[in-house]
Amino acid sequence: MSPADLIPLLLLAVVFFLLIIRPMRARQKQYTELRQMQDALQPGARVMISSGIHGTVQSLADETIDLEVAPGVVITVARAAVAEVIDPQA
């Protein structure tokens, strides 16, 4: 087998890496950062859940949070539903 015969195989490996492996690593990193943010939640934090509802964290459990969405209105949602922490300075 000559070196010229290996070029298509090498190109296929590079394309596989660029189209499959790299995006998978980026998604894994994004998921890890999201989980760290969800694990670091504290009462009083303003958050937005994945459905777009904004509220203030009232209390935390292992898998759920109590979220005040209006004065006196508290809902319980899965911790995994928190999409982002809202910066109070914004």
Protein backbone atom coordinates (compact mmCIF):
# COMPACT_ATOMS: atom_id res chain seq x y z
CA MET A 1 0.00 0.00 0.00
CA SER A 2 1.53 3.28 -1.09
CA PRO A 3 1.25 6.54 0.84
CA ALA A 4 -1.04 7.90 -1.88
CA ASP A 5 -3.56 5.16 -1.05
CA LEU A 6 -3.76 6.38 2.55
CA ILE A 7 -4.72 9.97 1.66
CA PRO A 8 -8.47 9.27 1.16
CA LEU A 9 -8.59 7.33 4.43
CA LEU A 10 -6.82 10.16 6.23
CA LEU A 11 -9.20 12.73 4.73
CA LEU A 12 -12.17 10.63 5.83
CA ALA A 13 -10.80 10.50 9.39
CA VAL A 14 -10.35 14.30 9.45
CA VAL A 15 -13.89 14.89 8.14
CA PHE A 16 -15.28 12.45 10.73
CA PHE A 17 -13.47 14.33 13.49
CA LEU A 18 -14.66 17.75 12.30
CA LEU A 19 -18.29 16.74 11.77
CA ILE A 20 -18.87 14.32 14.65
CA ILE A 21 -16.31 14.48 17.45
CA ARG A 22 -15.73 18.25 17.75
CA PRO A 23 -19.41 19.25 17.96
CA MET A 24 -20.00 16.47 20.49
CA ARG A 25 -17.21 17.84 22.70
CA ALA A 26 -18.66 21.36 22.46
CA ARG A 27 -22.13 20.12 23.48
CA GLN A 28 -20.63 18.20 26.41
CA LYS A 29 -18.78 21.33 27.59
CA GLN A 30 -21.97 23.41 27.30
CA TYR A 31 -23.93 20.78 29.27
CA THR A 32 -21.27 20.71 31.99
CA GLU A 33 -21.34 24.51 32.35
CA LEU A 34 -25.16 24.47 32.55
CA ARG A 35 -25.12 21.79 35.28
CA GLN A 36 -22.53 23.75 37.27
CA MET A 37 -24.71 26.87 37.07
CA GLN A 38 -27.78 24.88 38.18
CA ASP A 39 -25.86 23.30 41.07
CA ALA A 40 -24.61 26.72 42.24
CA LEU A 41 -28.09 28.27 42.56
CA GLN A 42 -28.81 30.12 45.79
CA PRO A 43 -32.04 31.50 47.26
CA GLY A 44 -32.64 35.05 46.05
CA ALA A 45 -31.16 34.49 42.59
CA ARG A 46 -33.19 35.78 39.64
CA VAL A 47 -33.48 33.05 37.02
CA MET A 48 -35.21 32.24 33.76
CA ILE A 49 -36.43 28.69 33.22
CA SER A 50 -36.45 26.97 29.83
CA SER A 51 -40.07 27.95 29.15
CA GLY A 52 -39.16 31.64 29.47
CA ILE A 53 -40.68 32.25 32.91
CA HIS A 54 -38.66 34.61 35.10
CA GLY A 55 -38.65 34.41 38.87
CA THR A 56 -36.69 34.49 42.11
CA VAL A 57 -35.41 31.31 43.75
CA GLN A 58 -37.09 30.91 47.16
CA SER A 59 -35.79 27.50 48.22
CA LEU A 60 -33.84 24.57 46.85
CA ALA A 61 -34.20 20.80 47.05
CA ASP A 62 -32.05 18.11 45.44
CA GLU A 63 -33.98 18.02 42.16
CA THR A 64 -36.42 20.95 42.42
CA ILE A 65 -36.54 24.65 43.22
CA ASP A 66 -39.35 26.85 44.47
CA LEU A 67 -39.58 29.88 42.23
CA GLU A 68 -41.53 33.05 43.07
CA VAL A 69 -42.91 34.31 39.76
CA ALA A 70 -45.14 37.07 41.19
CA PRO A 71 -45.63 38.43 44.70
CA GLY A 72 -47.04 35.53 46.72
CA VAL A 73 -47.06 33.11 43.74
CA VAL A 74 -44.54 30.28 44.13
CA ILE A 75 -44.16 27.40 41.68
CA THR A 76 -42.03 24.29 42.00
CA VAL A 77 -39.93 23.40 38.97
CA ALA A 78 -37.18 20.93 38.19
CA ARG A 79 -33.71 22.31 38.83
CA ALA A 80 -32.79 21.19 35.31
CA ALA A 81 -35.40 23.62 33.91
CA VAL A 82 -33.27 26.63 34.89
CA ALA A 83 -31.84 27.98 31.64
CA GLU A 84 -29.93 30.99 32.97
CA VAL A 85 -29.29 33.20 35.95
CA ILE A 86 -30.39 36.79 35.28
CA ASP A 87 -27.75 39.40 36.07
CA PRO A 88 -29.28 41.92 38.49
CA GLN A 89 -27.08 44.67 36.99
CA ALA A 90 -28.63 44.27 33.52
